[in-house]
Amino acid sequence: MDDVAAAPHRNAPDTRPRLDLQEHLADLEAKGLLVRIDHPVDKDSELHPLVRLQFIGGIPEAERRAFLFTKVVDASGRRYDIPVVVGAIAASAEIYSLGMRREVGEIGAAWLDAISNPIPPVRISSPACQEIIITGDELRAPNGGLKRFPVPISTPGFDAAPYLTATLCISKDPDSGIQNIGTYRAALKAVDRLVVRMVARAGGAGGFLHWQKYQKRGQPMPIAIVVGAAPVVMFTGAQKLATDLDEIGVAGALAGRPVPVARCATIDLDIPADSEIVIEGLIDTGKLEPEAPFGESNGYVALEAFNMPMRVTAITHKRRPVFCSIISQVTPSESSLVKKVAYEPLYLAHLKDALSVRGVRRVVLHEPLTNLRPVIFVQFDAGTARTEVWRGLNGAAAFQAIFGKLVIAVTRIGMLKASSAT
C-alpha cells in the first residue's frame, strides 16, 4: 500500500522524525550522542549499572549518551549476536529532541497538536519486523524463544528475573476495537512465557482496562510487546494518553506522516511495521502469577506482587535487530526524563493557554529521587497577583491525577506558596 503522506522533495533532506530505531541510532552516532562498546559486557551484572552511572554519578545531563553494546554476554559466558542499546530514547533532552526532530521548546506544542490531530496508520504487507518468524517447536526449544535475546538484569542483586523495560504493550478493547499502547515491564519466566505488570493509574491503565473486559468474558487477552521502535512511537507509551485514543495515530501526527503497521503473525493486533522485535501472545485472564522484587524509580525495591501471565505464541523480528532497554530505577533516569521533557511544556501550555494564568513563566517537575510526579514547581514573574498564583497552583495540581502531590510557586526571589493536592 502506498504511503498517503506527501514525501519531501527528493533533493531536500528529510527533517521529519525517523520511523525506524536503527536510523535514529545512526543520527545519534553522527551527532556524537551514541557510544559503541565493542568489548564483552555481562548483561546480568554490568550492562545496566554502567549506563546508570551517568544518571547518578554527577554527570551533567548534556553529557549523557546512548550506549550500544555490540558484544553482550551473560553470567554463564554465553555470547549473543544481538546488540543492546540503552539510553537511545531519552538519556538527555537533546536525545529526546533528536527523536522528535524538534527543539525542546517546541515539544509541548507538538504534543498538543498531535493529540488533537492524529494521523491514522497505514497497513502494509511484508514488514521488516517479520523478516524472521519464530513459532512452534523453535519457540519452545531450550535455548530458543525469549532466551535468544540479551535481556539485561535491571538491578543486579535485587531483581528476580531479567525484565523487558523499553516496551510498547499493545492490546485492543474487545468492545470498541480501539488499540491502546502502554509501557509496562515484563519479567521473563520461561522461553515461551512471561508476566506483564500493567501498572494502574487513576481509572486504570489502558491495558488493565482491556484485561478486565476480557476477564469478564472469560477469554484470554491478545497482546503484542514491541521491543525497539521509533522514538515518536516509543514516546506515546509513556504519555498516559486517553485510553480510547489509538497512540499510533498520535505518533503519526508527531512524525508528520502515517506510521506503517502490519498485522501480527498469530493474533489480531496491528504493530509498527519497522519494530525491531515483537513478542506476540495471549494473557490468561483467569489467573495471576508472582512478579518482582524489582528496583523501582523511587529508589526502593518493590516486593512480590501478582500480575498477568502471558503465553508467547510467536516472536518476530528484523533479520539484524537491536534490543532496546531503558534505565528506569531511581530518578533521574531515562524513564523519568521521557516524561519530564514532554510534560513540563504541556503543563506550561495548560496554565498559560487553557487557563490563561497570568505571570506564569515556567513549570519544573522535580526529578531527583522523587519519581518525578509528586513535586511540581511553578515559576511566576515577580509581583504576580496572589490570585493568579493560587490559580496556577490549583491548575497544576488538577491537570493530571498522578502528578502534583505538592505544588510550589516560586519567583526569582524565592518561594511564594505551597499547595498540597491529593
Protein backbone atom coordinates (compact mmCIF):
# COMPACT_ATOMS: atom_id res chain seq x y z
CA MET A 1 0.00 0.00 0.00
CA ASP A 2 1.33 3.43 -0.87
CA ASP A 3 2.12 5.93 1.83
CA VAL A 4 -0.59 8.57 1.68
CA ALA A 5 1.61 11.32 3.11
CA ALA A 6 3.45 13.62 0.77
CA ALA A 7 7.15 12.75 0.57
CA PRO A 8 9.74 15.50 0.97
CA HIS A 9 11.32 16.97 -2.17
CA ARG A 10 13.82 14.45 -3.49
CA ASN A 11 16.70 16.93 -3.29
CA ALA A 12 15.82 18.18 0.20
CA PRO A 13 16.89 16.43 3.40
CA ASP A 14 14.08 14.70 5.26
CA THR A 15 13.79 16.55 8.56
CA ARG A 16 10.81 14.57 9.82
CA PRO A 17 11.20 12.21 12.81
CA ARG A 18 12.55 8.77 11.99
CA LEU A 19 10.17 5.83 11.90
CA ASP A 20 12.95 3.25 12.35
CA LEU A 21 15.01 2.89 15.54
CA GLN A 22 18.22 1.99 13.72
CA GLU A 23 18.01 5.14 11.61
CA HIS A 24 17.63 7.09 14.85
CA LEU A 25 20.73 5.36 16.24
CA ALA A 26 22.66 6.41 13.15
CA ASP A 27 21.55 10.01 13.76
CA LEU A 28 22.70 9.80 17.38
CA GLU A 29 26.09 8.43 16.37
CA ALA A 30 26.54 11.11 13.70
CA LYS A 31 25.98 13.79 16.34
CA GLY A 32 28.29 12.20 18.89
CA LEU A 33 25.42 11.19 21.16
CA LEU A 34 25.99 7.42 20.96
CA VAL A 35 28.93 5.46 22.31
CA ARG A 36 29.77 1.99 20.97
CA ILE A 37 31.13 -0.54 23.43
CA ASP A 38 32.85 -3.27 21.42
CA HIS A 39 34.31 -5.39 24.22
CA PRO A 40 32.34 -8.09 26.09
CA VAL A 41 29.91 -6.79 28.73
CA ASP A 42 27.88 -9.02 31.07
CA LYS A 43 24.19 -8.21 30.77
CA ASP A 44 23.45 -9.82 34.13
CA SER A 45 25.79 -7.75 36.30
CA GLU A 46 27.44 -4.92 34.33
CA LEU A 47 25.38 -3.54 31.47
CA HIS A 48 22.66 -1.51 33.20
CA PRO A 49 24.87 -0.36 36.11
CA LEU A 50 27.44 1.02 33.66
CA VAL A 51 24.83 3.15 31.92
CA ARG A 52 23.11 4.14 35.17
CA LEU A 53 26.32 5.75 36.43
CA GLN A 54 25.78 8.71 34.12
CA PHE A 55 22.42 9.40 35.78
CA ILE A 56 23.51 9.08 39.41
CA GLY A 57 27.22 9.86 39.21
CA GLY A 58 27.02 13.63 38.93
CA ILE A 59 27.47 13.78 35.15
CA PRO A 60 25.63 16.81 33.70
CA GLU A 61 22.58 15.87 31.64
CA ALA A 62 24.05 17.42 28.49
CA GLU A 63 26.93 14.93 28.69
CA ARG A 64 24.76 11.82 28.91
CA ARG A 65 24.93 9.45 25.95
CA ALA A 66 23.21 6.42 24.47
CA PHE A 67 25.31 3.25 24.71
CA LEU A 68 25.34 0.49 22.11
CA PHE A 69 26.82 -2.78 23.41
CA THR A 70 27.86 -4.92 20.46
CA LYS A 71 29.36 -7.91 22.32
CA VAL A 72 26.91 -8.92 25.02
CA VAL A 73 27.47 -11.96 27.23
CA ASP A 74 25.65 -13.36 30.26
CA ALA A 75 26.86 -14.63 33.63
CA SER A 76 27.49 -18.10 32.19
CA GLY A 77 29.66 -16.69 29.39
CA ARG A 78 27.10 -17.17 26.65
CA ARG A 79 27.59 -14.73 23.77
CA TYR A 80 24.68 -13.08 21.96
CA ASP A 81 24.67 -11.94 18.35
CA ILE A 82 22.10 -9.18 19.02
CA PRO A 83 23.42 -5.81 20.27
CA VAL A 84 21.78 -3.95 23.15
CA VAL A 85 21.17 -0.20 23.20
CA VAL A 86 20.40 1.76 26.37
CA GLY A 87 19.76 5.49 26.62
CA ALA A 88 18.73 5.94 22.99
CA ILE A 89 15.21 7.14 23.76
CA ALA A 90 15.76 9.81 26.40
CA ALA A 91 19.10 9.76 28.18
CA SER A 92 19.05 13.54 27.75
CA ALA A 93 16.72 16.24 26.48
CA GLU A 94 18.97 16.51 23.41
CA ILE A 95 18.48 12.82 22.59
CA TYR A 96 14.72 13.15 23.08
CA SER A 97 14.73 16.28 20.91
CA LEU A 98 16.57 14.47 18.11
CA GLY A 99 13.99 11.68 18.20
CA MET A 100 11.25 14.29 17.78
CA ARG A 101 13.29 16.35 15.29
CA ARG A 102 12.16 19.43 17.20
CA GLU A 103 13.74 21.90 19.57
CA VAL A 104 12.88 21.24 23.21
CA GLY A 105 10.85 24.46 23.38
CA GLU A 106 8.61 23.21 20.56
CA ILE A 107 7.86 19.80 22.05
CA GLY A 108 4.87 20.78 24.21
CA ALA A 109 3.04 22.41 21.32
CA ALA A 110 3.85 19.43 19.10
CA TRP A 111 2.24 17.05 21.60
CA LEU A 112 -0.89 19.16 21.94
CA ASP A 113 -1.27 19.36 18.16
CA ALA A 114 -0.65 15.62 17.69
CA ILE A 115 -3.19 14.64 20.33
CA SER A 116 -5.80 16.90 18.71
CA ASN A 117 -4.99 15.88 15.12
CA PRO A 118 -3.88 12.23 14.97
CA ILE A 119 -2.91 10.70 11.62
CA PRO A 120 -4.23 7.13 11.23
CA PRO A 121 -1.62 4.47 10.42
CA VAL A 122 -1.28 2.78 7.03
CA ARG A 123 -1.33 -1.02 6.74
CA ILE A 124 1.48 -2.69 4.78
CA SER A 125 2.43 -6.26 3.96
CA SER A 126 5.86 -7.92 4.37
CA PRO A 127 7.00 -5.66 7.24
CA ALA A 128 10.62 -5.52 8.39
CA CYS A 129 9.59 -6.71 11.86
CA GLN A 130 8.52 -10.07 10.39
CA GLU A 131 11.65 -10.92 8.43
CA ILE A 132 12.15 -13.70 10.99
CA ILE A 133 9.12 -15.51 12.47
CA ILE A 134 9.58 -17.98 15.33
CA THR A 135 6.72 -20.29 16.32
CA GLY A 136 6.05 -23.87 17.41
CA ASP A 137 8.94 -26.12 18.45
CA GLU A 138 11.52 -23.43 17.67
CA LEU A 139 9.77 -21.15 20.16
CA ARG A 140 9.89 -23.78 22.91
CA ALA A 141 13.43 -25.09 22.33
CA PRO A 142 15.68 -24.98 25.45
CA ASN A 143 17.74 -22.07 24.10
CA GLY A 144 15.02 -20.73 21.83
CA GLY A 145 12.15 -18.31 22.25
CA LEU A 146 12.78 -15.49 24.71
CA LYS A 147 16.14 -16.97 25.72
CA ARG A 148 17.56 -15.93 22.34
CA PHE A 149 17.53 -12.29 23.40
CA PRO A 150 20.11 -10.49 25.61
CA VAL A 151 17.59 -9.18 28.14
CA PRO A 152 19.56 -7.28 30.83
CA ILE A 153 19.10 -7.56 34.58
CA SER A 154 17.95 -4.06 35.52
CA THR A 155 19.02 -4.08 39.18
CA PRO A 156 21.65 -6.80 39.69
CA GLY A 157 21.43 -8.44 43.07
CA PHE A 158 17.80 -7.46 43.62
CA ASP A 159 15.59 -8.22 40.59
CA ALA A 160 14.06 -11.68 40.47
CA ALA A 161 14.44 -12.03 36.69
CA PRO A 162 15.51 -10.24 33.51
CA TYR A 163 12.90 -7.65 32.56
CA LEU A 164 11.77 -6.13 29.29
CA THR A 165 11.68 -2.41 30.11
CA ALA A 166 11.58 -0.46 26.82
CA THR A 167 8.24 -1.95 25.81
CA LEU A 168 5.21 -0.99 23.80
CA CYS A 169 2.47 -3.30 25.06
CA ILE A 170 -0.34 -3.27 22.51
CA SER A 171 -3.82 -4.54 23.33
CA LYS A 172 -7.30 -3.97 21.95
CA ASP A 173 -10.60 -3.04 23.55
CA PRO A 174 -12.86 -6.03 22.78
CA ASP A 175 -15.91 -3.75 22.65
CA SER A 176 -14.71 -0.80 20.56
CA GLY A 177 -11.81 -2.43 18.71
CA ILE A 178 -9.57 0.55 19.58
CA GLN A 179 -5.97 -0.37 20.33
CA ASN A 180 -4.02 1.01 23.26
CA ILE A 181 -0.27 1.26 23.88
CA GLY A 182 1.28 1.14 27.33
CA THR A 183 4.83 0.89 28.64
CA TYR A 184 4.67 -1.99 31.12
CA ARG A 185 7.59 -4.03 32.35
CA ALA A 186 7.58 -7.77 31.66
CA ALA A 187 9.56 -10.41 33.58
CA LEU A 188 10.87 -13.48 31.81
CA LYS A 189 9.53 -16.78 33.22
CA ALA A 190 10.42 -19.33 30.54
CA VAL A 191 11.35 -19.47 26.87
CA ASP A 192 7.68 -19.03 25.93
CA ARG A 193 6.20 -17.34 29.00
CA LEU A 194 6.49 -14.06 30.86
CA VAL A 195 4.45 -11.96 33.27
CA VAL A 196 3.31 -8.41 32.47
CA ARG A 197 2.82 -5.69 35.07
CA MET A 198 0.12 -3.38 33.76
CA VAL A 199 0.73 -0.59 36.23
CA ALA A 200 -2.52 1.04 37.24
CA ARG A 201 -3.14 4.78 37.19
CA ALA A 202 -6.20 6.80 38.16
CA GLY A 203 -9.03 4.93 36.44
CA GLY A 204 -6.71 2.12 35.36
CA ALA A 205 -4.09 1.81 32.62
CA GLY A 206 -5.44 1.07 29.15
CA GLY A 207 -4.12 -2.47 29.05
CA PHE A 208 -5.52 -3.20 32.51
CA LEU A 209 -8.97 -1.97 31.46
CA HIS A 210 -8.83 -4.28 28.45
CA TRP A 211 -7.77 -7.15 30.72
CA GLN A 212 -10.83 -6.55 32.91
CA LYS A 213 -13.13 -6.77 29.90
CA TYR A 214 -11.57 -9.99 28.64
CA GLN A 215 -11.73 -11.41 32.17
CA LYS A 216 -15.49 -10.75 32.35
CA ARG A 217 -15.87 -12.56 29.02
CA GLY A 218 -13.81 -15.49 30.27
CA GLN A 219 -11.43 -15.09 27.31
CA PRO A 220 -7.64 -14.75 27.00
CA MET A 221 -6.41 -11.29 26.01
CA PRO A 222 -4.24 -10.93 22.89
CA ILE A 223 -1.17 -8.78 23.50
CA ALA A 224 1.86 -7.77 21.44
CA ILE A 225 5.00 -6.50 23.16
CA VAL A 226 7.19 -4.40 20.88
CA VAL A 227 10.84 -4.07 21.94
CA GLY A 228 12.54 -1.36 19.91
CA ALA A 229 10.51 1.17 17.94
CA ALA A 230 11.00 4.68 16.58
CA PRO A 231 11.24 7.32 19.33
CA VAL A 232 7.98 9.08 18.36
CA VAL A 233 6.20 5.74 18.75
CA MET A 234 8.01 4.90 22.00
CA PHE A 235 7.17 8.30 23.49
CA THR A 236 3.42 7.68 23.23
CA GLY A 237 3.58 4.67 25.57
CA ALA A 238 4.79 6.87 28.44
CA GLN A 239 2.45 9.79 27.86
CA LYS A 240 -0.63 8.47 29.71
CA LEU A 241 -2.96 9.49 26.88
CA ALA A 242 -6.70 8.80 26.93
CA THR A 243 -7.37 5.05 27.00
CA ASP A 244 -9.70 5.30 23.96
CA LEU A 245 -7.12 7.11 21.83
CA ASP A 246 -5.02 4.97 19.48
CA GLU A 247 -1.49 6.16 20.20
CA ILE A 248 -0.24 5.06 16.77
CA GLY A 249 -2.27 7.91 15.28
CA VAL A 250 -0.67 10.37 17.71
CA ALA A 251 2.76 9.03 16.75
CA GLY A 252 1.85 9.58 13.11
CA ALA A 253 0.98 13.19 13.81
CA LEU A 254 4.30 13.67 15.63
CA ALA A 255 6.07 12.12 12.64
CA GLY A 256 4.15 14.15 10.07
CA ARG A 257 3.00 11.03 8.20
CA PRO A 258 1.18 7.75 8.85
CA VAL A 259 3.09 5.12 10.79
CA PRO A 260 3.26 1.89 8.72
CA VAL A 261 1.70 -1.01 10.62
CA ALA A 262 1.22 -4.71 9.97
CA ARG A 263 -0.95 -7.43 11.42
CA CYS A 264 0.71 -9.73 13.92
CA ALA A 265 1.61 -13.23 12.74
CA THR A 266 -0.58 -15.12 15.23
CA ILE A 267 -3.01 -12.65 16.84
CA ASP A 268 -5.34 -9.91 15.62
CA LEU A 269 -3.36 -6.80 16.54
CA ASP A 270 -1.52 -4.19 14.48
CA ILE A 271 2.10 -3.43 15.31
CA PRO A 272 4.56 -0.79 13.97
CA ALA A 273 6.00 -2.38 10.82
CA ASP A 274 9.56 -1.19 11.48
CA SER A 275 9.78 -2.57 15.02
CA GLU A 276 12.96 -4.39 15.99
CA ILE A 277 11.35 -7.27 17.92
CA VAL A 278 7.71 -8.25 18.54
CA ILE A 279 6.57 -10.80 21.12
CA GLU A 280 3.03 -12.00 20.43
CA GLY A 281 0.87 -13.91 22.84
CA LEU A 282 -2.20 -14.41 24.99
CA ILE A 283 -2.69 -13.33 28.59
CA ASP A 284 -4.58 -15.83 30.73
CA THR A 285 -7.24 -13.68 32.42
CA GLY A 286 -8.21 -16.45 34.80
CA LYS A 287 -5.10 -16.33 36.98
CA LEU A 288 -2.21 -14.21 38.19
CA GLU A 289 1.44 -15.12 38.78
CA PRO A 290 4.10 -13.77 41.16
CA GLU A 291 6.16 -10.83 39.88
CA ALA A 292 9.07 -8.90 41.46
CA PRO A 293 11.09 -7.99 43.53
CA PHE A 294 12.09 -5.17 41.21
CA GLY A 295 14.09 -1.97 41.72
CA GLU A 296 11.66 0.92 41.32
CA SER A 297 12.20 4.53 40.27
CA ASN A 298 11.62 5.79 43.81
CA GLY A 299 14.77 4.01 44.94
CA TYR A 300 13.01 1.18 46.74
CA VAL A 301 12.73 -2.45 45.74
CA ALA A 302 9.08 -3.40 45.21
CA LEU A 303 8.13 -6.60 46.95
CA GLU A 304 6.44 -9.53 45.27
CA ALA A 305 3.16 -8.76 43.52
CA PHE A 306 0.82 -10.74 41.28
CA ASN A 307 0.45 -9.87 37.63
CA MET A 308 -0.71 -11.08 34.25
CA PRO A 309 0.85 -14.26 32.82
CA MET A 310 1.45 -14.26 29.06
CA ARG A 311 1.93 -17.34 26.90
CA VAL A 312 4.01 -16.48 23.84
CA THR A 313 2.55 -17.62 20.50
CA ALA A 314 5.20 -16.10 18.22
CA ILE A 315 8.31 -13.95 18.20
CA THR A 316 9.09 -11.93 15.09
CA HIS A 317 11.99 -9.61 14.41
CA LYS A 318 14.18 -7.95 11.82
CA ARG A 319 16.94 -10.03 10.28
CA ARG A 320 19.50 -7.99 12.25
CA PRO A 321 17.61 -6.46 15.20
CA VAL A 322 18.82 -4.25 18.02
CA PHE A 323 17.49 -4.98 21.51
CA CYS A 324 16.39 -1.78 23.26
CA SER A 325 16.35 -1.28 27.03
CA ILE A 326 15.88 1.75 29.29
CA ILE A 327 17.14 2.83 32.70
CA SER A 328 14.12 3.24 34.97
CA GLN A 329 15.32 2.86 38.55
CA VAL A 330 15.99 5.83 40.84
CA THR A 331 15.30 9.16 39.20
CA PRO A 332 16.81 10.88 37.35
CA SER A 333 16.54 8.14 34.78
CA GLU A 334 15.63 7.62 31.18
CA SER A 335 12.03 6.79 32.02
CA SER A 336 11.61 9.94 34.12
CA LEU A 337 13.22 12.20 31.53
CA VAL A 338 10.99 10.85 28.74
CA LYS A 339 8.04 12.19 30.74
CA LYS A 340 9.73 15.34 32.04
CA VAL A 341 10.72 16.70 28.62
CA ALA A 342 7.17 16.39 27.33
CA TYR A 343 5.17 17.14 30.47
CA GLU A 344 6.86 20.37 31.52
CA PRO A 345 5.86 22.26 28.34
CA LEU A 346 2.44 20.56 28.41
CA TYR A 347 1.86 21.89 31.93
CA LEU A 348 3.06 25.34 30.92
CA ALA A 349 0.76 25.39 27.90
CA HIS A 350 -2.15 24.23 30.07
CA LEU A 351 -1.63 27.04 32.57
CA LYS A 352 -0.93 29.80 30.03
CA ASP A 353 -3.27 28.87 27.19
CA ALA A 354 -6.08 26.73 28.61
CA LEU A 355 -6.41 28.53 31.97
CA SER A 356 -4.97 31.94 30.96
CA VAL A 357 -3.00 32.21 34.20
CA ARG A 358 -1.11 35.50 34.13
CA GLY A 359 2.52 35.78 35.16
CA VAL A 360 3.44 32.09 34.85
CA ARG A 361 6.88 31.62 33.29
CA ARG A 362 7.95 28.00 33.70
CA VAL A 363 6.94 24.61 35.10
CA VAL A 364 9.53 22.21 36.52
CA LEU A 365 8.80 18.63 37.57
CA HIS A 366 11.21 17.73 40.36
CA GLU A 367 13.16 14.69 39.21
CA PRO A 368 15.92 13.56 41.65
CA LEU A 369 14.76 10.73 43.93
CA THR A 370 11.06 11.66 43.82
CA ASN A 371 9.83 9.59 40.86
CA LEU A 372 9.15 12.88 39.01
CA ARG A 373 5.47 13.03 39.86
CA PRO A 374 4.98 14.25 43.45
CA VAL A 375 6.59 17.72 43.35
CA ILE A 376 5.84 20.44 40.80
CA PHE A 377 7.44 23.90 40.78
CA VAL A 378 5.60 26.73 39.02
CA GLN A 379 7.66 29.88 38.41
CA PHE A 380 5.91 33.25 38.24
CA ASP A 381 7.00 36.78 37.41
CA ALA A 382 7.89 38.84 40.47
CA GLY A 383 4.85 40.81 41.59
CA THR A 384 2.30 38.39 40.13
CA ALA A 385 -1.06 38.80 41.85
CA ARG A 386 -1.68 36.28 44.61
CA THR A 387 -4.97 35.30 42.97
CA GLU A 388 -3.08 34.30 39.80
CA VAL A 389 -0.52 32.37 41.85
CA TRP A 390 -3.29 30.39 43.53
CA ARG A 391 -4.99 29.77 40.17
CA GLY A 392 -1.72 28.45 38.83
CA LEU A 393 -1.14 26.20 41.83
CA ASN A 394 -4.60 24.72 41.65
CA GLY A 395 -4.46 24.39 37.87
CA ALA A 396 -1.18 22.47 38.04
CA ALA A 397 -2.44 20.25 40.86
CA ALA A 398 -5.61 19.33 38.97
CA PHE A 399 -4.15 18.81 35.48
CA GLN A 400 -3.07 15.17 35.91
CA ALA A 401 -4.33 12.93 38.71
CA ILE A 402 -0.98 11.12 39.00
CA PHE A 403 1.12 14.32 39.26
CA GLY A 404 1.36 17.05 41.85
CA LYS A 405 1.01 15.94 45.44
CA LEU A 406 2.97 19.08 46.35
CA VAL A 407 2.83 22.13 44.06
CA ILE A 408 5.19 25.01 44.88
CA ALA A 409 5.12 28.52 43.45
CA VAL A 410 8.42 30.39 43.16
CA THR A 411 9.76 33.64 41.77
CA ARG A 412 13.30 34.82 41.25
CA ILE A 413 13.41 35.99 44.85
CA GLY A 414 12.20 32.74 46.41
CA MET A 415 9.22 30.70 47.44
CA LEU A 416 5.72 32.16 47.47
CA LYS A 417 3.31 29.43 48.45
CA ALA A 418 2.96 25.66 48.52
CA SER A 419 -0.26 23.73 47.94
CA SER A 420 -0.92 20.08 48.72
CA ALA A 421 -3.12 18.10 46.36
CA THR A 422 -4.42 14.59 46.88
